[in-house]
Amino acid sequence: MQIHDVHEGIQKHKKRKRIGRGVGSGHGKTSTKGHKGHSSRQGYKQHPLMEGGQMPIVRRVPIRGFSNGRFKKDFAILNLELLEAFFDSGATVDEAVLRAKGLVKGRHDDGLKILGDGTLTKALTVKAQKFSKTAAEKIAAAGGSIEVVG
């Protein structure tokens, strides 16, 4: 094998199939669409999951898991490491302040939940709907206080 043989057989730019350009082109008359039927008509578009007469894979694969649906709670999640980085000692932290700083975005119907990831060395007053056990312990250990908002 020589260096010029490496790319042999690989087409860099494949020539486009020119359909409907006469019988001599090999793609004339029915333009590779066959005779009659919906797939030969103009504007035909097959659904991406269509598999002919076969049962589609989305219906063959079993349903796994569970969706809690309308009863699911939607909290804005925030870790202690962000409170450490963005707030000074003695500050009061609530959802409105967090939204103003851009730490909480979007719509969260059930409020704010503080999680205990990271360390906290500043004494903060944190107001939220929920606190994880470790977050409450770390805030208290740093000399801060938590306030559960209804």
Protein backbone atom coordinates (compact mmCIF):
# COMPACT_ATOMS: atom_id res chain seq x y z
CA MET A 1 0.00 0.00 0.00
CA GLN A 2 1.20 3.44 -0.93
CA ILE A 3 0.28 6.83 0.58
CA HIS A 4 -1.88 7.70 -2.45
CA ASP A 5 -3.97 4.53 -1.89
CA VAL A 6 -5.24 5.65 1.54
CA HIS A 7 -8.16 7.72 0.22
CA GLU A 8 -9.01 5.42 -2.65
CA GLY A 9 -12.70 4.53 -2.75
CA ILE A 10 -13.70 7.38 -0.41
CA GLN A 11 -15.64 10.12 -2.15
CA LYS A 12 -15.00 13.54 -0.69
CA HIS A 13 -17.92 15.15 -2.53
CA LYS A 14 -20.64 12.69 -3.50
CA LYS A 15 -22.46 13.65 -6.67
CA ARG A 16 -26.09 14.61 -6.13
CA LYS A 17 -28.83 12.36 -7.60
CA ARG A 18 -30.46 14.47 -10.36
CA ILE A 19 -33.99 13.15 -10.61
CA GLY A 20 -36.54 13.89 -13.32
CA ARG A 21 -33.99 14.66 -16.03
CA GLY A 22 -35.08 12.18 -18.67
CA VAL A 23 -35.09 8.41 -19.10
CA GLY A 24 -31.43 8.31 -20.11
CA SER A 25 -30.32 9.63 -16.73
CA GLY A 26 -31.57 6.50 -14.96
CA HIS A 27 -33.68 8.66 -12.68
CA GLY A 28 -36.30 9.86 -15.13
CA LYS A 29 -40.01 9.16 -15.66
CA THR A 30 -41.20 8.45 -12.08
CA SER A 31 -38.12 10.11 -10.57
CA THR A 32 -37.26 7.12 -8.31
CA LYS A 33 -40.67 7.37 -6.60
CA GLY A 34 -42.39 4.35 -8.17
CA HIS A 35 -45.95 4.29 -9.46
CA LYS A 36 -48.94 5.87 -7.67
CA GLY A 37 -49.47 5.82 -3.92
CA HIS A 38 -49.00 8.53 -1.31
CA SER A 39 -45.21 8.29 -1.39
CA SER A 40 -45.14 9.27 -5.06
CA ARG A 41 -47.19 12.42 -4.53
CA GLN A 42 -45.92 15.94 -4.08
CA GLY A 43 -45.52 17.09 -0.48
CA TYR A 44 -45.30 13.54 0.89
CA LYS A 45 -43.52 13.39 4.22
CA GLN A 46 -43.29 10.21 6.24
CA HIS A 47 -43.49 10.37 10.03
CA PRO A 48 -39.97 9.86 11.47
CA LEU A 49 -41.15 6.97 13.69
CA MET A 50 -43.04 5.17 10.89
CA GLU A 51 -41.81 1.59 10.42
CA GLY A 52 -44.16 0.29 7.74
CA GLY A 53 -46.64 -2.26 9.09
CA GLN A 54 -44.31 -3.21 11.95
CA MET A 55 -45.19 -2.17 15.50
CA PRO A 56 -43.19 1.04 16.11
CA ILE A 57 -40.31 0.89 18.60
CA VAL A 58 -41.95 3.53 20.79
CA ARG A 59 -44.83 1.11 21.33
CA ARG A 60 -42.68 -2.05 21.55
CA VAL A 61 -40.46 -0.77 24.36
CA PRO A 62 -42.09 -1.23 27.78
CA ILE A 63 -42.97 1.77 29.92
CA ARG A 64 -40.59 2.06 32.88
CA GLY A 65 -40.70 4.19 35.96
CA PHE A 66 -43.37 6.44 37.37
CA SER A 67 -44.41 10.01 36.76
CA ASN A 68 -45.99 11.82 39.69
CA GLY A 69 -47.68 14.18 37.25
CA ARG A 70 -49.74 16.97 38.71
CA PHE A 71 -48.67 16.26 42.29
CA LYS A 72 -44.96 16.91 41.67
CA LYS A 73 -43.43 19.73 43.69
CA ASP A 74 -41.30 22.28 41.85
CA PHE A 75 -38.72 24.01 44.05
CA ALA A 76 -35.87 26.29 43.06
CA ILE A 77 -32.79 24.46 44.37
CA LEU A 78 -29.84 26.33 45.85
CA ASN A 79 -26.70 25.04 47.59
CA LEU A 80 -24.88 26.63 50.50
CA GLU A 81 -21.72 27.17 48.43
CA LEU A 82 -23.56 29.85 46.43
CA LEU A 83 -24.71 31.60 49.60
CA GLU A 84 -21.08 31.59 50.79
CA ALA A 85 -19.88 33.13 47.52
CA PHE A 86 -22.54 35.83 47.01
CA PHE A 87 -23.48 37.11 50.46
CA ASP A 88 -21.68 38.88 53.31
CA SER A 89 -21.98 37.92 56.97
CA GLY A 90 -25.19 39.14 58.61
CA ALA A 91 -27.18 39.33 55.37
CA THR A 92 -30.80 38.22 55.07
CA VAL A 93 -31.34 35.84 52.18
CA ASP A 94 -34.77 35.19 50.67
CA GLU A 95 -36.14 34.33 47.23
CA ALA A 96 -36.57 37.97 46.15
CA VAL A 97 -32.92 38.78 46.93
CA LEU A 98 -31.75 35.62 45.12
CA ARG A 99 -33.80 36.52 42.04
CA ALA A 100 -32.35 40.04 42.05
CA LYS A 101 -28.81 38.59 42.06
CA GLY A 102 -29.76 36.12 39.28
CA LEU A 103 -29.21 32.98 41.38
CA VAL A 104 -32.82 31.85 40.98
CA LYS A 105 -34.38 32.03 37.54
CA GLY A 106 -37.60 30.82 36.00
CA ARG A 107 -40.91 29.86 37.52
CA HIS A 108 -40.90 27.63 40.58
CA ASP A 109 -44.41 27.29 41.99
CA ASP A 110 -43.49 25.76 45.33
CA GLY A 111 -40.73 28.17 46.31
CA LEU A 112 -37.13 27.70 47.38
CA LYS A 113 -35.24 24.77 48.87
CA ILE A 114 -31.77 25.14 50.36
CA LEU A 115 -29.44 22.13 50.11
CA GLY A 116 -26.31 21.52 52.17
CA ASP A 117 -23.65 21.11 49.46
CA GLY A 118 -20.55 23.17 50.23
CA THR A 119 -19.36 24.92 53.36
CA LEU A 120 -20.76 28.01 55.05
CA THR A 121 -18.61 30.24 57.27
CA LYS A 122 -20.82 33.35 57.32
CA ALA A 123 -23.71 33.96 59.72
CA LEU A 124 -26.73 34.40 57.43
CA THR A 125 -30.46 34.62 58.04
CA VAL A 126 -31.96 32.38 55.37
CA LYS A 127 -35.69 32.39 54.55
CA ALA A 128 -37.02 29.55 52.37
CA GLN A 129 -39.88 27.10 52.05
CA LYS A 130 -37.69 24.05 52.71
CA PHE A 131 -34.24 23.17 54.05
CA SER A 132 -32.35 19.91 53.87
CA LYS A 133 -31.20 18.51 57.21
CA THR A 134 -27.51 19.16 56.47
CA ALA A 135 -28.21 22.70 55.25
CA ALA A 136 -30.05 23.58 58.46
CA GLU A 137 -27.20 22.12 60.55
CA LYS A 138 -24.48 23.98 58.61
CA ILE A 139 -26.32 27.33 58.78
CA ALA A 140 -26.79 26.93 62.54
CA ALA A 141 -23.14 25.88 62.99
CA ALA A 142 -21.98 29.03 61.16
CA GLY A 143 -23.98 31.17 63.58
CA GLY A 144 -26.85 31.91 61.21
CA SER A 145 -30.55 31.20 61.48
CA ILE A 146 -33.18 29.63 59.26
CA GLU A 147 -36.75 30.75 58.79
CA VAL A 148 -39.30 28.44 57.17
CA VAL A 149 -41.63 30.56 55.06
CA GLY A 150 -45.17 29.16 54.60
